[in-house]
């Protein structure tokens, strides 16, 4: 059996590989590690007075970015 080079795969390729080989726990771990390494934007905090507005604005930004 040949070694799979997860590092050489794009995120989409790694995701697809895992979906086709669900028993490959190393691929799953590699995919989760990539997701965990990404920087996350903090939109708001639960106790922020303008919580709803910030969430709605973030959702609108995502929708507009997806349309481009």
N, C-alpha and C. Protein backbone atom coordinates (compact mmCIF):
# COMPACT_ATOMS: atom_id res chain seq x y z
N UNK A 1 0.85 -1.19 0.00
CA UNK A 1 0.00 0.00 0.00
C UNK A 1 0.89 1.24 0.00
N UNK A 2 0.56 2.21 -0.82
CA UNK A 2 1.38 3.41 -0.92
C UNK A 2 1.01 4.42 0.15
N UNK A 3 1.99 5.23 0.54
CA UNK A 3 1.76 6.29 1.52
C UNK A 3 1.02 7.44 0.86
N UNK A 4 0.09 8.01 1.58
CA UNK A 4 -0.67 9.15 1.09
C UNK A 4 -0.03 10.41 1.66
N UNK A 5 0.23 11.38 0.80
CA UNK A 5 0.84 12.63 1.23
C UNK A 5 -0.26 13.67 1.45
N UNK A 6 -0.73 13.76 2.69
CA UNK A 6 -1.81 14.68 3.02
C UNK A 6 -1.37 16.12 2.89
N UNK A 7 -0.11 16.40 3.15
CA UNK A 7 0.40 17.77 3.08
C UNK A 7 0.33 18.32 1.65
N UNK A 8 0.47 17.44 0.67
CA UNK A 8 0.46 17.88 -0.72
C UNK A 8 -0.95 18.12 -1.24
N UNK A 9 -1.95 17.65 -0.51
CA UNK A 9 -3.34 17.80 -0.94
C UNK A 9 -3.88 19.18 -0.57
N UNK A 10 -4.75 19.68 -1.42
CA UNK A 10 -5.47 20.91 -1.07
C UNK A 10 -6.51 20.55 -0.01
N UNK A 11 -7.10 21.55 0.60
CA UNK A 11 -8.14 21.29 1.59
C UNK A 11 -9.28 20.47 0.97
N UNK A 12 -9.69 20.86 -0.22
CA UNK A 12 -10.78 20.16 -0.89
C UNK A 12 -10.39 18.72 -1.23
N UNK A 13 -9.16 18.50 -1.69
CA UNK A 13 -8.71 17.15 -2.00
C UNK A 13 -8.66 16.28 -0.74
N UNK A 14 -8.16 16.85 0.35
CA UNK A 14 -8.08 16.10 1.60
C UNK A 14 -9.48 15.76 2.11
N UNK A 15 -10.39 16.71 2.03
CA UNK A 15 -11.77 16.47 2.44
C UNK A 15 -12.39 15.36 1.60
N UNK A 16 -12.20 15.44 0.29
CA UNK A 16 -12.75 14.43 -0.62
C UNK A 16 -12.14 13.06 -0.35
N UNK A 17 -10.83 13.03 -0.10
CA UNK A 17 -10.15 11.76 0.21
C UNK A 17 -10.78 11.12 1.44
N UNK A 18 -10.99 11.93 2.49
CA UNK A 18 -11.57 11.36 3.70
C UNK A 18 -13.00 10.88 3.46
N UNK A 19 -13.77 11.63 2.69
CA UNK A 19 -15.15 11.21 2.43
C UNK A 19 -15.20 9.89 1.66
N UNK A 20 -14.21 9.66 0.83
CA UNK A 20 -14.15 8.40 0.08
C UNK A 20 -13.50 7.27 0.88
N UNK A 21 -12.71 7.61 1.89
CA UNK A 21 -11.99 6.62 2.70
C UNK A 21 -12.22 6.92 4.18
N UNK A 22 -13.45 6.76 4.62
CA UNK A 22 -13.83 7.14 5.97
C UNK A 22 -13.10 6.36 7.06
N UNK A 23 -12.53 5.25 6.71
CA UNK A 23 -11.75 4.48 7.68
C UNK A 23 -10.36 5.07 7.90
N UNK A 24 -9.96 6.01 7.07
CA UNK A 24 -8.63 6.62 7.15
C UNK A 24 -8.62 7.69 8.24
N UNK A 25 -8.35 7.26 9.46
CA UNK A 25 -8.37 8.17 10.61
C UNK A 25 -7.25 9.21 10.54
N UNK A 26 -6.15 8.88 9.90
CA UNK A 26 -5.04 9.83 9.77
C UNK A 26 -5.46 10.99 8.85
N UNK A 27 -6.20 10.69 7.81
CA UNK A 27 -6.69 11.74 6.91
C UNK A 27 -7.67 12.65 7.65
N UNK A 28 -8.53 12.05 8.44
CA UNK A 28 -9.49 12.83 9.22
C UNK A 28 -8.76 13.75 10.20
N UNK A 29 -7.76 13.23 10.88
CA UNK A 29 -6.98 14.02 11.84
C UNK A 29 -6.25 15.16 11.12
N UNK A 30 -5.69 14.87 9.94
CA UNK A 30 -4.98 15.89 9.17
C UNK A 30 -5.95 17.01 8.77
N UNK A 31 -7.16 16.64 8.38
CA UNK A 31 -8.15 17.64 8.00
C UNK A 31 -8.57 18.49 9.20
N UNK A 32 -8.82 17.85 10.33
CA UNK A 32 -9.19 18.60 11.53
C UNK A 32 -8.06 19.51 12.00
N UNK A 33 -6.82 19.04 11.88
CA UNK A 33 -5.68 19.87 12.26
C UNK A 33 -5.60 21.12 11.39
N UNK A 34 -5.87 20.97 10.11
CA UNK A 34 -5.86 22.14 9.22
C UNK A 34 -6.92 23.15 9.64
N UNK A 35 -8.10 22.65 9.94
CA UNK A 35 -9.18 23.55 10.36
C UNK A 35 -8.83 24.25 11.66
N UNK A 36 -8.22 23.54 12.58
CA UNK A 36 -7.87 24.11 13.88
C UNK A 36 -6.77 25.16 13.76
N UNK A 37 -5.92 25.03 12.76
CA UNK A 37 -4.80 25.96 12.58
C UNK A 37 -5.22 27.29 11.97
N UNK A 38 -6.42 27.35 11.44
CA UNK A 38 -6.87 28.58 10.79
C UNK A 38 -7.22 29.65 11.80
N UNK A 39 -6.93 30.87 11.44
CA UNK A 39 -7.29 32.01 12.29
C UNK A 39 -8.80 32.22 12.20
N UNK A 40 -9.40 32.45 13.33
CA UNK A 40 -10.85 32.67 13.39
C UNK A 40 -11.12 34.12 13.75
N UNK A 41 -12.09 34.70 13.08
CA UNK A 41 -12.50 36.06 13.37
C UNK A 41 -13.51 36.02 14.52
N UNK A 42 -13.28 36.83 15.53
CA UNK A 42 -14.24 36.96 16.62
C UNK A 42 -15.19 38.09 16.25
N UNK A 43 -16.42 37.73 16.03
CA UNK A 43 -17.42 38.68 15.55
C UNK A 43 -17.95 39.53 16.69
N UNK A 44 -18.27 38.89 17.80
CA UNK A 44 -18.86 39.60 18.94
C UNK A 44 -18.75 38.72 20.18
N UNK A 45 -19.24 39.23 21.28
CA UNK A 45 -19.33 38.43 22.50
C UNK A 45 -20.80 38.31 22.89
N UNK A 46 -21.10 37.31 23.66
CA UNK A 46 -22.49 37.04 24.02
C UNK A 46 -23.13 38.21 24.77
N UNK A 47 -22.35 38.89 25.57
CA UNK A 47 -22.91 39.98 26.37
C UNK A 47 -22.83 41.35 25.70
N UNK A 48 -22.45 41.40 24.45
CA UNK A 48 -22.37 42.68 23.73
C UNK A 48 -23.77 43.24 23.52
N UNK A 49 -23.96 44.53 23.74
CA UNK A 49 -25.29 45.13 23.58
C UNK A 49 -25.79 45.08 22.14
N UNK A 50 -24.87 45.06 21.17
CA UNK A 50 -25.27 45.02 19.76
C UNK A 50 -25.00 43.65 19.14
N UNK A 51 -25.15 42.61 19.92
CA UNK A 51 -24.89 41.23 19.50
C UNK A 51 -25.62 40.89 18.20
N UNK A 52 -26.94 41.10 18.18
CA UNK A 52 -27.75 40.73 17.01
C UNK A 52 -27.29 41.46 15.74
N UNK A 53 -27.01 42.74 15.86
CA UNK A 53 -26.58 43.51 14.69
C UNK A 53 -25.25 43.00 14.14
N UNK A 54 -24.33 42.68 15.04
CA UNK A 54 -23.03 42.18 14.60
C UNK A 54 -23.15 40.82 13.91
N UNK A 55 -24.00 39.96 14.44
CA UNK A 55 -24.21 38.65 13.83
C UNK A 55 -24.85 38.80 12.45
N UNK A 56 -25.85 39.65 12.36
CA UNK A 56 -26.51 39.87 11.08
C UNK A 56 -25.55 40.45 10.05
N UNK A 57 -24.71 41.38 10.46
CA UNK A 57 -23.73 41.96 9.54
C UNK A 57 -22.74 40.91 9.07
N UNK A 58 -22.31 40.04 9.96
CA UNK A 58 -21.36 38.98 9.59
C UNK A 58 -21.99 38.01 8.60
N UNK A 59 -23.24 37.67 8.82
CA UNK A 59 -23.94 36.77 7.90
C UNK A 59 -24.08 37.42 6.53
N UNK A 60 -24.42 38.68 6.49
CA UNK A 60 -24.55 39.39 5.21
C UNK A 60 -23.22 39.43 4.46
N UNK A 61 -22.12 39.66 5.19
CA UNK A 61 -20.80 39.66 4.55
C UNK A 61 -20.51 38.30 3.93
N UNK A 62 -20.83 37.22 4.63
CA UNK A 62 -20.60 35.87 4.10
C UNK A 62 -21.45 35.62 2.87
N UNK A 63 -22.69 36.04 2.89
CA UNK A 63 -23.59 35.83 1.76
C UNK A 63 -23.09 36.60 0.54
N UNK A 64 -22.70 37.85 0.76
CA UNK A 64 -22.18 38.67 -0.36
C UNK A 64 -20.88 38.09 -0.91
N UNK A 65 -20.00 37.60 -0.03
CA UNK A 65 -18.75 37.00 -0.49
C UNK A 65 -19.00 35.72 -1.28
N UNK A 66 -20.02 34.96 -0.92
CA UNK A 66 -20.33 33.72 -1.62
C UNK A 66 -20.90 33.98 -3.02
N UNK A 67 -21.51 35.15 -3.21
CA UNK A 67 -22.10 35.48 -4.51
C UNK A 67 -21.06 35.93 -5.52
N UNK A 68 -19.90 36.32 -5.07
CA UNK A 68 -18.86 36.84 -5.96
C UNK A 68 -18.20 35.77 -6.74
